Amino acid sequence: MSLQREDFPLPDTRWEPTRKYWEAAARGELRIPQCARCGRWVWYPKADCPDCYHAEFIWTKLSGRANLFSHVVVRHAFLPQYQNLIPFVPALVVPVEAPEVRIATRIVEIEPEEIQIDMPLQVVFAPLQFDGVEATVVAPLFQPAP
């Protein structure tokens, strides 16, 4: 018996802590939870706010503008499903509205050698697709801002 999901390496869009993130992405929106009491952005989602311990969150729509925090250029497929993506650029981006947040994503529409730390980015929504996996998931990816 395999413990791996049939749609691996796609994200599990039904996992409750991030379900609303993926639902928003499918609608072309970037949403991150914000504490309903103190307003702190809470990403990656937690059961309680780390500042005030409140357990109610508002999934707030962001503009989609961000800056690049960190990235790496992947030139070797560490899983066979990634072979058709080489080279690709996984990254952490910082939304302009939420400087304490880091969103794991991919940088697209730019040559890897042109990427610079802190460069302005804009979200785009595109299907994640992998060789040998029939399903797709719409994901927030980031490209250079116009």
Foldseek 3Di string as FASTA:
>chain_A
DDPDDLQPPPDDCPPVQCVVQLVQLVVVWGWFWAAPPPGATAPPGDCADPPPRHRDTDTDTAQQKWFFADKDWDQDDPDQQCVVVPGWIWGWIAGPVHNVDTDTATEDDDDPVVDDGGAMKGWDWDWDGTPPHPDTGIDTHIYGDD
